[in-house]
Amino acid sequence: MDTVVGPIELPASFVLARVNRIRFPEALPLSQVRDQVVEQIRREKGKDLAVVKAYEAQPKAAAAKSVKTAAAAFGVPVAETGWVGAEGAPGVPAALVQDALLLPSGEVAPVKTLGDAQYLFQVTAKEDSRVPPLSEVRDKVVAEVAREKNAAAARAAMQRVLAASNTAAELEANAKKAGLSSSLTGWFAPLSEPVPEPLAGVGDIRRDLSALSAKSPVSRTVYQGQEGNLLAVAFSGEQLPSDAEWEKKKDGLLKGVVQQKQNVMLEAFLSDRIKSVKVEINPEALK
């Protein structure tokens, strides 16, 4: 194979690449992967056994009108949920809830397969939906309204602090005036190292963090962290690696960049080959 791939669009240029060889992953000796193979076989056998046992237990449970009785014969514990509505509940797959809502009380459902899991379940009781009187839910309504008002007020306060802050120092000072707490993280690489614990629940914040700099230090986004806490972030400083540290990590970094470029070229090559292939289907061979 000797062909030219491209042009490939990169952030600041276009590249033409010549591909003369594709190296496929080498097969590892069994001694190196034995434990992984054994574990994989064990998992696959376990999944197959779960399917068999679930379908063996279903008719027994239906005949006895009791999932608990059938499960006990197989030594499998039974978990019972509380009241579950159409909105679902933690730990109960939505597809399972939808099927359960269609069953009459006391009926055992057919086996439900979701991913690698097999579910055998029974509706123990049903309650028709209704709109409760205000007297029953007044406390919950009041608490929810108060929570939403507090959340809106906190977000507005955070946005005012951000609007008045152009540096990390100003953000800290303005947060203190508004009665908000602030803290300084330790050194970390935003793209390659774990983010500090306060930011762990924010989600994918790495791109925003890497865009901050001395010229643009304050992010104008209000983030929601763990347990609903609102957060604002600002660039406080940067620490460049020493010459010795750079020399130690340079080869690995350059190899990573080269590997990334090779992957891009290979994907472009394969995509181009797929587009250029002509396929003819013989209907008679499919009969």
C-alpha atoms as a PDB file:
ATOM      1  CA  MET A   1       0.000   0.000   0.000  1.00  0.00           C
ATOM      2  CA  ASP A   2       1.434   3.317  -1.066  1.00  0.00           C
ATOM      3  CA  THR A   3      -0.944   6.231  -1.361  1.00  0.00           C
ATOM      4  CA  VAL A   4      -1.390   9.919  -0.561  1.00  0.00           C
ATOM      5  CA  VAL A   5      -4.031  10.996   1.950  1.00  0.00           C
ATOM      6  CA  GLY A   6      -5.436  14.459   2.199  1.00  0.00           C
ATOM      7  CA  PRO A   7      -5.667  17.280   2.288  1.00  0.00           C
ATOM      8  CA  ILE A   8      -6.314  16.924   6.041  1.00  0.00           C
ATOM      9  CA  GLU A   9      -7.511  20.094   7.757  1.00  0.00           C
ATOM     10  CA  LEU A  10      -5.687  20.930  10.979  1.00  0.00           C
ATOM     11  CA  PRO A  11      -6.376  23.971  13.221  1.00  0.00           C
ATOM     12  CA  ALA A  12      -3.871  26.185  11.373  1.00  0.00           C
ATOM     13  CA  SER A  13      -2.954  24.300   8.201  1.00  0.00           C
ATOM     14  CA  PHE A  14      -3.720  21.634   5.631  1.00  0.00           C
ATOM     15  CA  VAL A  15      -1.596  18.468   5.415  1.00  0.00           C
ATOM     16  CA  LEU A  16      -0.939  15.941   2.657  1.00  0.00           C
ATOM     17  CA  ALA A  17       0.334  12.630   4.021  1.00  0.00           C
ATOM     18  CA  ARG A  18       1.845   9.626   2.331  1.00  0.00           C
ATOM     19  CA  VAL A  19       0.844   6.270   3.835  1.00  0.00           C
ATOM     20  CA  ASN A  20       3.056   3.348   2.850  1.00  0.00           C
ATOM     21  CA  ARG A  21       2.355   0.944   5.677  1.00  0.00           C
ATOM     22  CA  ILE A  22      -0.255   0.223   8.321  1.00  0.00           C
ATOM     23  CA  ARG A  23       0.963  -1.643  11.381  1.00  0.00           C
ATOM     24  CA  PHE A  24      -1.698  -3.696  13.132  1.00  0.00           C
ATOM     25  CA  PRO A  25      -1.557  -4.434  16.869  1.00  0.00           C
ATOM     26  CA  GLU A  26       0.611  -7.404  17.705  1.00  0.00           C
ATOM     27  CA  ALA A  27      -0.833 -10.460  19.410  1.00  0.00           C
ATOM     28  CA  LEU A  28       0.229 -10.677  23.051  1.00  0.00           C
ATOM     29  CA  PRO A  29       1.405 -14.004  24.493  1.00  0.00           C
ATOM     30  CA  LEU A  30      -1.155 -15.901  26.552  1.00  0.00           C
ATOM     31  CA  SER A  31       0.998 -15.609  29.683  1.00  0.00           C
ATOM     32  CA  GLN A  32       0.477 -11.839  29.671  1.00  0.00           C
ATOM     33  CA  VAL A  33      -3.279 -11.884  29.170  1.00  0.00           C
ATOM     34  CA  ARG A  34      -4.249 -15.149  30.901  1.00  0.00           C
ATOM     35  CA  ASP A  35      -5.935 -13.448  33.875  1.00  0.00           C
ATOM     36  CA  GLN A  36      -7.886 -11.111  31.590  1.00  0.00           C
ATOM     37  CA  VAL A  37      -9.015 -13.998  29.404  1.00  0.00           C
ATOM     38  CA  VAL A  38     -10.121 -16.042  32.427  1.00  0.00           C
ATOM     39  CA  GLU A  39     -12.065 -13.087  33.829  1.00  0.00           C
ATOM     40  CA  GLN A  40     -13.705 -12.403  30.467  1.00  0.00           C
ATOM     41  CA  ILE A  41     -14.747 -16.050  30.103  1.00  0.00           C
ATOM     42  CA  ARG A  42     -16.095 -16.052  33.651  1.00  0.00           C
ATOM     43  CA  ARG A  43     -18.151 -12.925  32.953  1.00  0.00           C
ATOM     44  CA  GLU A  44     -19.541 -14.307  29.693  1.00  0.00           C
ATOM     45  CA  LYS A  45     -20.507 -17.592  31.365  1.00  0.00           C
ATOM     46  CA  GLY A  46     -22.125 -15.638  34.191  1.00  0.00           C
ATOM     47  CA  LYS A  47     -24.214 -13.609  31.757  1.00  0.00           C
ATOM     48  CA  ASP A  48     -25.305 -16.750  29.896  1.00  0.00           C
ATOM     49  CA  LEU A  49     -26.225 -18.473  33.173  1.00  0.00           C
ATOM     50  CA  ALA A  50     -28.229 -15.416  34.292  1.00  0.00           C
ATOM     51  CA  VAL A  51     -30.316 -15.590  31.108  1.00  0.00           C
ATOM     52  CA  VAL A  52     -31.022 -19.299  31.581  1.00  0.00           C
ATOM     53  CA  LYS A  53     -31.945 -18.951  35.262  1.00  0.00           C
ATOM     54  CA  ALA A  54     -34.181 -15.931  34.616  1.00  0.00           C
ATOM     55  CA  TYR A  55     -36.202 -17.782  31.990  1.00  0.00           C
ATOM     56  CA  GLU A  56     -36.390 -20.878  34.210  1.00  0.00           C
ATOM     57  CA  ALA A  57     -37.645 -18.815  37.141  1.00  0.00           C
ATOM     58  CA  GLN A  58     -40.279 -16.808  35.233  1.00  0.00           C
ATOM     59  CA  PRO A  59     -42.891 -19.560  34.727  1.00  0.00           C
ATOM     60  CA  LYS A  60     -42.407 -20.737  38.313  1.00  0.00           C
ATOM     61  CA  ALA A  61     -42.919 -17.209  39.603  1.00  0.00           C
ATOM     62  CA  ALA A  62     -45.991 -16.736  37.385  1.00  0.00           C
ATOM     63  CA  ALA A  63     -47.512 -20.036  38.578  1.00  0.00           C
ATOM     64  CA  ALA A  64     -46.911 -19.177  42.235  1.00  0.00           C
ATOM     65  CA  LYS A  65     -47.778 -15.512  41.637  1.00  0.00           C
ATOM     66  CA  SER A  66     -44.699 -14.685  43.689  1.00  0.00           C
ATOM     67  CA  VAL A  67     -41.259 -13.575  42.482  1.00  0.00           C
ATOM     68  CA  LYS A  68     -39.943 -14.002  46.025  1.00  0.00           C
ATOM     69  CA  THR A  69     -40.838 -17.697  46.092  1.00  0.00           C
ATOM     70  CA  ALA A  70     -39.202 -18.408  42.747  1.00  0.00           C
ATOM     71  CA  ALA A  71     -36.121 -16.347  43.568  1.00  0.00           C
ATOM     72  CA  ALA A  72     -35.643 -18.118  46.888  1.00  0.00           C
ATOM     73  CA  ALA A  73     -35.488 -21.473  45.085  1.00  0.00           C
ATOM     74  CA  PHE A  74     -32.586 -20.139  43.011  1.00  0.00           C
ATOM     75  CA  GLY A  75     -30.865 -18.458  45.952  1.00  0.00           C
ATOM     76  CA  VAL A  76     -31.311 -14.978  44.466  1.00  0.00           C
ATOM     77  CA  PRO A  77     -32.246 -12.039  46.737  1.00  0.00           C
ATOM     78  CA  VAL A  78     -35.243  -9.870  45.829  1.00  0.00           C
ATOM     79  CA  ALA A  79     -35.232  -6.087  46.009  1.00  0.00           C
ATOM     80  CA  GLU A  80     -38.509  -4.232  46.553  1.00  0.00           C
ATOM     81  CA  THR A  81     -38.944  -0.620  45.480  1.00  0.00           C
ATOM     82  CA  GLY A  82     -41.130   1.999  47.044  1.00  0.00           C
ATOM     83  CA  TRP A  83     -43.874   3.718  45.096  1.00  0.00           C
ATOM     84  CA  VAL A  84     -42.629   4.462  41.571  1.00  0.00           C
ATOM     85  CA  GLY A  85     -44.387   6.772  39.135  1.00  0.00           C
ATOM     86  CA  ALA A  86     -43.932   7.389  35.421  1.00  0.00           C
ATOM     87  CA  GLU A  87     -41.005   9.677  36.213  1.00  0.00           C
ATOM     88  CA  GLY A  88     -39.014   6.667  37.425  1.00  0.00           C
ATOM     89  CA  ALA A  89     -36.764   6.357  40.438  1.00  0.00           C
ATOM     90  CA  PRO A  90     -33.030   6.002  41.177  1.00  0.00           C
ATOM     91  CA  GLY A  91     -31.820   2.478  40.514  1.00  0.00           C
ATOM     92  CA  VAL A  92     -34.946   1.504  38.554  1.00  0.00           C
ATOM     93  CA  PRO A  93     -34.494   1.613  34.755  1.00  0.00           C
ATOM     94  CA  ALA A  94     -37.087   3.752  32.986  1.00  0.00           C
ATOM     95  CA  ALA A  95     -37.934   0.952  30.524  1.00  0.00           C
ATOM     96  CA  LEU A  96     -38.735  -1.317  33.465  1.00  0.00           C
ATOM     97  CA  VAL A  97     -41.042   1.285  34.999  1.00  0.00           C
ATOM     98  CA  GLN A  98     -42.940   1.727  31.733  1.00  0.00           C
ATOM     99  CA  ASP A  99     -43.595  -2.017  31.517  1.00  0.00           C
ATOM    100  CA  ALA A 100     -44.589  -2.218  35.186  1.00  0.00           C
ATOM    101  CA  LEU A 101     -47.168   0.555  34.802  1.00  0.00           C
ATOM    102  CA  LEU A 102     -48.995  -1.538  32.204  1.00  0.00           C
ATOM    103  CA  LEU A 103     -49.286  -4.632  34.426  1.00  0.00           C
ATOM    104  CA  PRO A 104     -52.171  -5.331  36.794  1.00  0.00           C
ATOM    105  CA  SER A 105     -51.435  -5.663  40.475  1.00  0.00           C
ATOM    106  CA  GLY A 106     -49.954  -9.034  41.442  1.00  0.00           C
ATOM    107  CA  GLU A 107     -48.937 -10.081  37.943  1.00  0.00           C
ATOM    108  CA  VAL A 108     -45.430 -11.363  37.193  1.00  0.00           C
ATOM    109  CA  ALA A 109     -43.936  -9.795  34.073  1.00  0.00           C
ATOM    110  CA  PRO A 110     -42.029 -11.607  31.323  1.00  0.00           C
ATOM    111  CA  VAL A 111     -38.246 -11.469  31.623  1.00  0.00           C
ATOM    112  CA  LYS A 112     -36.982  -8.009  30.699  1.00  0.00           C
ATOM    113  CA  THR A 113     -33.492  -7.757  29.155  1.00  0.00           C
ATOM    114  CA  LEU A 114     -31.728  -4.412  29.515  1.00  0.00           C
ATOM    115  CA  GLY A 115     -28.111  -4.467  28.429  1.00  0.00           C
ATOM    116  CA  ASP A 116     -26.413  -7.412  30.165  1.00  0.00           C
ATOM    117  CA  ALA A 117     -28.994  -7.543  32.976  1.00  0.00           C
ATOM    118  CA  GLN A 118     -32.068  -9.791  33.170  1.00  0.00           C
ATOM    119  CA  TYR A 119     -35.021  -8.493  35.214  1.00  0.00           C
ATOM    120  CA  LEU A 120     -37.806 -10.629  36.636  1.00  0.00           C
ATOM    121  CA  PHE A 121     -40.300  -8.458  38.461  1.00  0.00           C
ATOM    122  CA  GLN A 122     -43.816  -8.337  39.826  1.00  0.00           C
ATOM    123  CA  VAL A 123     -46.183  -5.470  40.542  1.00  0.00           C
ATOM    124  CA  THR A 124     -47.147  -5.846  44.189  1.00  0.00           C
ATOM    125  CA  ALA A 125     -49.578  -2.921  44.364  1.00  0.00           C
ATOM    126  CA  LYS A 126     -50.907  -0.098  42.213  1.00  0.00           C
ATOM    127  CA  GLU A 127     -52.421   3.232  43.091  1.00  0.00           C
ATOM    128  CA  ASP A 128     -54.308   5.352  40.597  1.00  0.00           C
ATOM    129  CA  SER A 129     -52.757   8.708  39.936  1.00  0.00           C
ATOM    130  CA  ARG A 130     -54.506  11.712  41.438  1.00  0.00           C
ATOM    131  CA  VAL A 131     -53.970  15.355  42.161  1.00  0.00           C
ATOM    132  CA  PRO A 132     -53.525  15.596  45.942  1.00  0.00           C
ATOM    133  CA  PRO A 133     -55.249  18.428  47.785  1.00  0.00           C
ATOM    134  CA  LEU A 134     -53.064  21.381  48.689  1.00  0.00           C
ATOM    135  CA  SER A 135     -53.365  20.536  52.384  1.00  0.00           C
ATOM    136  CA  GLU A 136     -51.386  17.307  51.768  1.00  0.00           C
ATOM    137  CA  VAL A 137     -48.522  18.885  49.858  1.00  0.00           C
ATOM    138  CA  ARG A 138     -48.449  22.439  51.245  1.00  0.00           C
ATOM    139  CA  ASP A 139     -45.163  21.932  53.117  1.00  0.00           C
ATOM    140  CA  LYS A 140     -43.478  20.389  50.065  1.00  0.00           C
ATOM    141  CA  VAL A 141     -44.708  23.194  47.809  1.00  0.00           C
ATOM    142  CA  VAL A 142     -43.508  25.867  50.223  1.00  0.00           C
ATOM    143  CA  ALA A 143     -40.100  24.189  50.538  1.00  0.00           C
ATOM    144  CA  GLU A 144     -39.721  23.837  46.771  1.00  0.00           C
ATOM    145  CA  VAL A 145     -40.676  27.475  46.134  1.00  0.00           C
ATOM    146  CA  ALA A 146     -38.201  28.602  48.792  1.00  0.00           C
ATOM    147  CA  ARG A 147     -35.482  26.408  47.285  1.00  0.00           C
ATOM    148  CA  GLU A 148     -36.046  27.825  43.803  1.00  0.00           C
ATOM    149  CA  LYS A 149     -36.038  31.408  45.130  1.00  0.00           C
ATOM    150  CA  ASN A 150     -32.812  30.787  47.029  1.00  0.00           C
ATOM    151  CA  ALA A 151     -31.184  29.206  43.978  1.00  0.00           C
ATOM    152  CA  ALA A 152     -32.244  32.119  41.758  1.00  0.00           C
ATOM    153  CA  ALA A 153     -30.959  34.651  44.309  1.00  0.00           C
ATOM    154  CA  ALA A 154     -27.633  32.811  44.630  1.00  0.00           C
ATOM    155  CA  ARG A 155     -27.177  32.690  40.851  1.00  0.00           C
ATOM    156  CA  ALA A 156     -28.004  36.393  40.536  1.00  0.00           C
ATOM    157  CA  ALA A 157     -25.498  37.243  43.285  1.00  0.00           C
ATOM    158  CA  MET A 158     -22.821  35.141  41.573  1.00  0.00           C
ATOM    159  CA  GLN A 159     -23.483  36.827  38.226  1.00  0.00           C
ATOM    160  CA  ARG A 160     -23.165  40.275  39.822  1.00  0.00           C
ATOM    161  CA  VAL A 161     -19.839  39.262  41.360  1.00  0.00           C
ATOM    162  CA  LEU A 162     -18.591  38.015  37.993  1.00  0.00           C
ATOM    163  CA  ALA A 163     -19.732  41.158  36.184  1.00  0.00           C
ATOM    164  CA  ALA A 164     -17.699  43.306  38.591  1.00  0.00           C
ATOM    165  CA  SER A 165     -14.560  41.121  38.465  1.00  0.00           C
ATOM    166  CA  ASN A 166     -11.818  41.203  35.851  1.00  0.00           C
ATOM    167  CA  THR A 167      -9.084  39.381  37.788  1.00  0.00           C
ATOM    168  CA  ALA A 168      -8.857  36.530  40.274  1.00  0.00           C
ATOM    169  CA  ALA A 169      -8.061  39.020  43.048  1.00  0.00           C
ATOM    170  CA  GLU A 170     -11.138  41.085  42.221  1.00  0.00           C
ATOM    171  CA  LEU A 171     -13.285  37.956  42.097  1.00  0.00           C
ATOM    172  CA  GLU A 172     -12.085  36.949  45.559  1.00  0.00           C
ATOM    173  CA  ALA A 173     -12.664  40.444  46.989  1.00  0.00           C
ATOM    174  CA  ASN A 174     -16.109  40.844  45.442  1.00  0.00           C
ATOM    175  CA  ALA A 175     -17.144  37.360  46.572  1.00  0.00           C
ATOM    176  CA  LYS A 176     -16.145  38.252  50.134  1.00  0.00           C
ATOM    177  CA  LYS A 177     -18.215  41.480  49.992  1.00  0.00           C
ATOM    178  CA  ALA A 178     -21.218  39.456  48.801  1.00  0.00           C
ATOM    179  CA  GLY A 179     -20.810  36.964  51.644  1.00  0.00           C
ATOM    180  CA  LEU A 180     -19.588  34.199  49.354  1.00  0.00           C
ATOM    181  CA  SER A 181     -16.646  31.943  50.145  1.00  0.00           C
ATOM    182  CA  SER A 182     -13.599  31.479  47.915  1.00  0.00           C
ATOM    183  CA  SER A 183     -10.622  29.132  47.815  1.00  0.00           C
ATOM    184  CA  LEU A 184      -7.426  28.647  45.829  1.00  0.00           C
ATOM    185  CA  THR A 185      -6.619  25.290  44.228  1.00  0.00           C
ATOM    186  CA  GLY A 186      -3.209  23.699  44.056  1.00  0.00           C
ATOM    187  CA  TRP A 187      -1.229  23.471  40.813  1.00  0.00           C
ATOM    188  CA  PHE A 188      -2.701  21.172  38.173  1.00  0.00           C
ATOM    189  CA  ALA A 189      -2.626  20.731  34.391  1.00  0.00           C
ATOM    190  CA  PRO A 190      -6.214  21.405  33.244  1.00  0.00           C
ATOM    191  CA  LEU A 191      -6.122  19.017  30.285  1.00  0.00           C
ATOM    192  CA  SER A 192      -4.091  16.080  31.573  1.00  0.00           C
ATOM    193  CA  GLU A 193      -4.431  15.935  35.371  1.00  0.00           C
ATOM    194  CA  PRO A 194      -7.482  15.388  37.596  1.00  0.00           C
ATOM    195  CA  VAL A 195      -9.313  18.618  38.401  1.00  0.00           C
ATOM    196  CA  PRO A 196      -9.368  19.644  42.087  1.00  0.00           C
ATOM    197  CA  GLU A 197     -12.145  18.199  44.235  1.00  0.00           C
ATOM    198  CA  PRO A 198     -14.329  21.379  44.316  1.00  0.00           C
ATOM    199  CA  LEU A 199     -14.564  21.191  40.503  1.00  0.00           C
ATOM    200  CA  ALA A 200     -14.988  17.418  40.263  1.00  0.00           C
ATOM    201  CA  GLY A 201     -18.782  17.554  40.046  1.00  0.00           C
ATOM    202  CA  VAL A 202     -19.003  20.352  37.484  1.00  0.00           C
ATOM    203  CA  GLY A 203     -18.746  18.090  34.448  1.00  0.00           C
ATOM    204  CA  ASP A 204     -16.548  18.757  31.423  1.00  0.00           C
ATOM    205  CA  ILE A 205     -14.904  22.000  32.522  1.00  0.00           C
ATOM    206  CA  ARG A 206     -11.410  21.291  31.198  1.00  0.00           C
ATOM    207  CA  ARG A 207     -11.813  23.200  27.936  1.00  0.00           C
ATOM    208  CA  ASP A 208     -13.053  26.293  29.769  1.00  0.00           C
ATOM    209  CA  LEU A 209     -10.178  26.093  32.249  1.00  0.00           C
ATOM    210  CA  SER A 210      -7.550  25.725  29.517  1.00  0.00           C
ATOM    211  CA  ALA A 211      -8.920  28.845  27.792  1.00  0.00           C
ATOM    212  CA  LEU A 212      -8.243  31.035  30.847  1.00  0.00           C
ATOM    213  CA  SER A 213      -5.012  33.058  30.888  1.00  0.00           C
ATOM    214  CA  ALA A 214      -3.434  36.200  32.324  1.00  0.00           C
ATOM    215  CA  LYS A 215      -5.074  38.203  29.506  1.00  0.00           C
ATOM    216  CA  SER A 216      -8.490  36.597  30.036  1.00  0.00           C
ATOM    217  CA  PRO A 217      -8.497  35.404  33.652  1.00  0.00           C
ATOM    218  CA  VAL A 218     -12.188  35.255  34.626  1.00  0.00           C
ATOM    219  CA  SER A 219     -14.715  32.810  33.207  1.00  0.00           C
ATOM    220  CA  ARG A 220     -18.119  34.453  32.820  1.00  0.00           C
ATOM    221  CA  THR A 221     -19.959  31.169  33.309  1.00  0.00           C
ATOM    222  CA  VAL A 222     -21.695  30.197  36.536  1.00  0.00           C
ATOM    223  CA  TYR A 223     -21.143  26.465  37.040  1.00  0.00           C
ATOM    224  CA  GLN A 224     -23.170  24.053  39.152  1.00  0.00           C
ATOM    225  CA  GLY A 225     -21.020  21.757  41.254  1.00  0.00           C
ATOM    226  CA  GLN A 226     -21.693  18.905  43.616  1.00  0.00           C
ATOM    227  CA  GLU A 227     -24.957  19.023  45.574  1.00  0.00           C
ATOM    228  CA  GLY A 228     -26.143  21.972  43.470  1.00  0.00           C
ATOM    229  CA  ASN A 229     -23.480  24.408  44.688  1.00  0.00           C
ATOM    230  CA  LEU A 230     -22.812  27.317  42.333  1.00  0.00           C
ATOM    231  CA  LEU A 231     -19.214  28.042  41.358  1.00  0.00           C
ATOM    232  CA  ALA A 232     -17.209  30.686  39.508  1.00  0.00           C
ATOM    233  CA  VAL A 233     -13.595  30.193  38.419  1.00  0.00           C
ATOM    234  CA  ALA A 234     -10.698  32.495  37.565  1.00  0.00           C
ATOM    235  CA  PHE A 235      -7.089  32.098  36.452  1.00  0.00           C
ATOM    236  CA  SER A 236      -4.736  32.933  39.321  1.00  0.00           C
ATOM    237  CA  GLY A 237      -1.342  32.014  37.899  1.00  0.00           C
ATOM    238  CA  GLU A 238       0.648  29.476  35.959  1.00  0.00           C
ATOM    239  CA  GLN A 239       3.756  27.494  36.704  1.00  0.00           C
ATOM    240  CA  LEU A 240       5.977  26.455  33.807  1.00  0.00           C
ATOM    241  CA  PRO A 241       7.955  23.210  34.089  1.00  0.00           C
ATOM    242  CA  SER A 242      11.657  23.393  34.811  1.00  0.00           C
ATOM    243  CA  ASP A 243      14.127  22.538  32.054  1.00  0.00           C
ATOM    244  CA  ALA A 244      14.830  19.196  33.710  1.00  0.00           C
ATOM    245  CA  GLU A 245      11.134  18.356  33.995  1.00  0.00           C
ATOM    246  CA  TRP A 246      10.527  19.432  30.396  1.00  0.00           C
ATOM    247  CA  GLU A 247      13.358  17.225  29.142  1.00  0.00           C
ATOM    248  CA  LYS A 248      11.918  14.324  31.105  1.00  0.00           C
ATOM    249  CA  LYS A 249       8.399  14.711  29.688  1.00  0.00           C
ATOM    250  CA  LYS A 250       9.223  16.110  26.240  1.00  0.00           C
ATOM    251  CA  ASP A 251       9.624  12.766  24.466  1.00  0.00           C
ATOM    252  CA  GLY A 252       6.328  11.444  25.789  1.00  0.00           C
ATOM    253  CA  LEU A 253       4.511  14.637  24.815  1.00  0.00           C
ATOM    254  CA  LEU A 254       5.974  14.667  21.301  1.00  0.00           C
ATOM    255  CA  LYS A 255       5.148  10.987  20.852  1.00  0.00           C
ATOM    256  CA  GLY A 256       1.572  11.737  21.889  1.00  0.00           C
ATOM    257  CA  VAL A 257       1.307  14.552  19.336  1.00  0.00           C
ATOM    258  CA  VAL A 258       2.789  12.352  16.582  1.00  0.00           C
ATOM    259  CA  GLN A 259       0.432   9.488  17.483  1.00  0.00           C
ATOM    260  CA  GLN A 260      -2.532  11.854  17.399  1.00  0.00           C
ATOM    261  CA  LYS A 261      -1.558  13.090  13.930  1.00  0.00           C
ATOM    262  CA  GLN A 262      -1.070   9.514  12.729  1.00  0.00           C
ATOM    263  CA  ASN A 263      -4.520   8.575  13.994  1.00  0.00           C
ATOM    264  CA  VAL A 264      -6.053  11.537  12.137  1.00  0.00           C
ATOM    265  CA  MET A 265      -4.280  10.568   8.918  1.00  0.00           C
ATOM    266  CA  LEU A 266      -5.263   6.911   9.262  1.00  0.00           C
ATOM    267  CA  GLU A 267      -8.926   7.786   9.871  1.00  0.00           C
ATOM    268  CA  ALA A 268      -8.888  10.081   6.830  1.00  0.00           C
ATOM    269  CA  PHE A 269      -7.260   7.362   4.732  1.00  0.00           C
ATOM    270  CA  LEU A 270      -9.769   4.713   5.791  1.00  0.00           C
ATOM    271  CA  SER A 271     -12.652   7.121   5.210  1.00  0.00           C
ATOM    272  CA  ASP A 272     -11.339   7.901   1.745  1.00  0.00           C
ATOM    273  CA  ARG A 273     -10.930   4.202   0.915  1.00  0.00           C
ATOM    274  CA  ILE A 274     -14.449   3.441   2.095  1.00  0.00           C
ATOM    275  CA  LYS A 275     -15.828   6.174  -0.147  1.00  0.00           C
ATOM    276  CA  SER A 276     -13.935   4.842  -3.154  1.00  0.00           C
ATOM    277  CA  VAL A 277     -14.913   1.167  -2.793  1.00  0.00           C
ATOM    278  CA  LYS A 278     -17.517  -0.206  -5.153  1.00  0.00           C
ATOM    279  CA  VAL A 279     -19.649  -3.048  -3.774  1.00  0.00           C
ATOM    280  CA  GLU A 280     -21.752  -5.413  -5.850  1.00  0.00           C
ATOM    281  CA  ILE A 281     -24.341  -7.622  -4.143  1.00  0.00           C
ATOM    282  CA  ASN A 282     -25.510 -10.891  -5.690  1.00  0.00           C
ATOM    283  CA  PRO A 283     -29.123 -11.469  -4.501  1.00  0.00           C
ATOM    284  CA  GLU A 284     -28.935 -15.144  -5.458  1.00  0.00           C
ATOM    285  CA  ALA A 285     -26.089 -15.728  -2.997  1.00  0.00           C
ATOM    286  CA  LEU A 286     -28.242 -14.423  -0.143  1.00  0.00           C
ATOM    287  CA  LYS A 287     -31.006 -16.953  -0.621  1.00  0.00           C
END
